[in-house]
Amino acid sequence: MTTELNLKTIFKEMTEYIETLNKMAENSITDIQLPSSPGVYLIYLEGCLKYIGSSKNIAQRINTNLLNGNKDSHTLINKLIKVKKMYNYYVKTYLRESNIKFVETKDVYSAKMLEDILIAIHKPEYNKTLNELVQTKSS
């Protein structure tokens, strides 16, 4: 009985997070105030959902690791460098033109679970492995 109750609670929680994301408009990644709390973020490049990530601190992950990072600080930067053959400087400029949606979660465990669910639903291009991306681009 406890497991069933726990699953219902988790399902309800995930559904609420997804509904929140569905109601949210995309915002410029450089113009929005991001929270310093755990959650999931969705990155839109050229108008399409391209990447879903989670973090214990959304603001730090986006502002420090993504917008001001390098190929070792965020997997999306590394994949853009390898797949689009861009230099790090151009990747940062490209990312500054992107849009974002995010939802805060109660903890990092909920964020990871929600991230996995959203990736399974949306199958964003840059959530594929680097090998899958390179094979797709060369075919």
Protein backbone atom coordinates (compact mmCIF):
# COMPACT_ATOMS: atom_id res chain seq x y z
CA MET A 1 0.00 0.00 0.00
CA THR A 2 2.83 2.42 0.82
CA THR A 3 4.52 1.84 -2.55
CA GLU A 4 1.26 2.43 -4.41
CA LEU A 5 0.65 5.65 -2.48
CA ASN A 6 4.21 6.76 -3.18
CA LEU A 7 3.85 6.10 -6.92
CA LYS A 8 0.60 8.07 -7.05
CA THR A 9 2.31 10.98 -5.31
CA ILE A 10 5.25 10.89 -7.72
CA PHE A 11 2.96 10.65 -10.76
CA LYS A 12 0.90 13.63 -9.53
CA GLU A 13 4.04 15.66 -8.86
CA MET A 14 5.53 14.93 -12.32
CA THR A 15 2.21 15.75 -13.99
CA GLU A 16 2.09 19.11 -12.20
CA TYR A 17 5.65 19.96 -13.28
CA ILE A 18 4.85 19.07 -16.90
CA GLU A 19 1.67 21.15 -16.83
CA THR A 20 3.67 24.11 -15.50
CA LEU A 21 6.16 23.77 -18.36
CA ASN A 22 3.38 23.47 -20.93
CA LYS A 23 1.84 26.75 -19.75
CA MET A 24 5.16 28.61 -19.73
CA ALA A 25 6.29 30.66 -22.70
CA GLU A 26 9.82 30.42 -24.03
CA ASN A 27 12.00 33.28 -22.82
CA SER A 28 15.32 34.63 -24.02
CA ILE A 29 18.04 32.80 -22.13
CA THR A 30 19.87 36.08 -21.43
CA ASP A 31 16.83 38.09 -20.31
CA ILE A 32 15.13 35.78 -17.82
CA GLN A 33 15.77 35.65 -14.09
CA LEU A 34 16.66 32.02 -13.31
CA PRO A 35 16.19 30.48 -9.87
CA SER A 36 19.02 29.20 -7.69
CA SER A 37 17.05 26.08 -6.92
CA PRO A 38 16.82 22.57 -8.36
CA GLY A 39 14.83 21.98 -11.51
CA VAL A 40 14.70 21.16 -15.19
CA TYR A 41 15.44 23.45 -18.11
CA LEU A 42 14.56 23.15 -21.79
CA ILE A 43 16.80 24.87 -24.37
CA TYR A 44 15.29 26.01 -27.68
CA LEU A 45 17.71 26.70 -30.54
CA GLU A 46 16.39 28.24 -33.75
CA GLY A 47 12.82 27.79 -32.48
CA CYS A 48 13.06 24.05 -31.73
CA LEU A 49 13.52 22.15 -28.49
CA LYS A 50 17.09 20.87 -28.74
CA TYR A 51 18.20 20.03 -25.18
CA ILE A 52 16.75 19.15 -21.78
CA GLY A 53 18.84 19.28 -18.63
CA SER A 54 18.47 19.27 -14.87
CA SER A 55 20.44 20.91 -12.11
CA LYS A 56 20.55 21.49 -8.38
CA ASN A 57 20.97 25.20 -9.18
CA ILE A 58 19.42 26.24 -12.51
CA ALA A 59 20.87 29.79 -12.51
CA GLN A 60 24.41 28.61 -11.91
CA ARG A 61 24.16 25.78 -14.44
CA ILE A 62 22.94 28.12 -17.19
CA ASN A 63 24.85 31.32 -16.41
CA THR A 64 28.19 29.82 -15.38
CA ASN A 65 28.43 26.42 -17.05
CA LEU A 66 26.49 27.03 -20.27
CA LEU A 67 26.66 30.70 -21.24
CA ASN A 68 30.17 31.29 -19.87
CA GLY A 69 31.54 27.78 -20.00
CA ASN A 70 33.53 25.59 -22.32
CA LYS A 71 33.30 22.08 -23.77
CA ASP A 72 34.22 20.58 -20.40
CA SER A 73 31.67 22.56 -18.37
CA HIS A 74 28.49 21.58 -20.23
CA THR A 75 27.68 18.67 -22.51
CA LEU A 76 25.63 20.86 -24.85
CA ILE A 77 28.66 23.06 -25.60
CA ASN A 78 30.77 19.99 -26.32
CA LYS A 79 28.15 18.54 -28.66
CA LEU A 80 27.69 21.83 -30.55
CA ILE A 81 31.46 22.14 -31.02
CA LYS A 82 31.77 18.60 -32.35
CA VAL A 83 28.58 18.40 -34.43
CA LYS A 84 28.30 21.93 -35.80
CA LYS A 85 32.09 22.33 -36.01
CA MET A 86 31.87 25.65 -34.13
CA TYR A 87 34.58 27.29 -32.07
CA ASN A 88 33.79 27.82 -28.39
CA TYR A 89 33.31 31.58 -28.90
CA TYR A 90 30.69 31.03 -31.60
CA VAL A 91 28.90 28.40 -29.53
CA LYS A 92 28.51 30.90 -26.69
CA THR A 93 27.14 33.53 -29.11
CA TYR A 94 24.79 30.92 -30.61
CA LEU A 95 23.56 29.90 -27.14
CA ARG A 96 22.94 33.53 -26.12
CA GLU A 97 20.39 33.70 -28.94
CA SER A 98 18.49 30.68 -27.60
CA ASN A 99 15.31 30.51 -25.55
CA ILE A 100 14.63 28.63 -22.35
CA LYS A 101 11.80 27.21 -20.27
CA PHE A 102 12.33 25.88 -16.78
CA VAL A 103 10.47 24.47 -13.83
CA GLU A 104 11.66 24.39 -10.24
CA THR A 105 11.38 21.06 -8.45
CA LYS A 106 11.35 20.17 -4.77
CA ASP A 107 14.76 18.46 -4.98
CA VAL A 108 17.41 17.14 -7.37
CA TYR A 109 15.85 13.65 -7.40
CA SER A 110 12.58 15.04 -8.74
CA ALA A 111 14.55 17.10 -11.26
CA LYS A 112 16.43 14.03 -12.56
CA MET A 113 13.21 12.00 -12.79
CA LEU A 114 11.42 14.80 -14.64
CA GLU A 115 14.40 15.29 -16.98
CA ASP A 116 14.34 11.58 -17.90
CA ILE A 117 10.58 11.66 -18.50
CA LEU A 118 10.80 14.77 -20.70
CA ILE A 119 13.71 13.37 -22.72
CA ALA A 120 11.74 10.16 -23.32
CA ILE A 121 8.71 12.18 -24.48
CA HIS A 122 10.43 14.85 -26.62
CA LYS A 123 13.65 13.10 -27.73
CA PRO A 124 15.63 16.36 -28.17
CA GLU A 125 18.44 16.25 -30.71
CA TYR A 126 21.28 17.16 -28.34
CA ASN A 127 20.25 14.70 -25.64
CA LYS A 128 21.44 11.93 -27.94
CA THR A 129 24.94 10.56 -27.42
CA LEU A 130 27.74 12.25 -29.32
CA ASN A 131 28.21 9.10 -31.43
CA GLU A 132 24.52 9.12 -32.42
CA LEU A 133 24.74 12.82 -33.34
CA VAL A 134 27.86 12.39 -35.45
CA GLN A 135 26.35 9.39 -37.28
CA THR A 136 23.11 11.31 -37.92
CA LYS A 137 24.98 14.35 -39.30
CA SER A 138 27.25 12.27 -41.56
CA SER A 139 24.43 10.17 -43.09
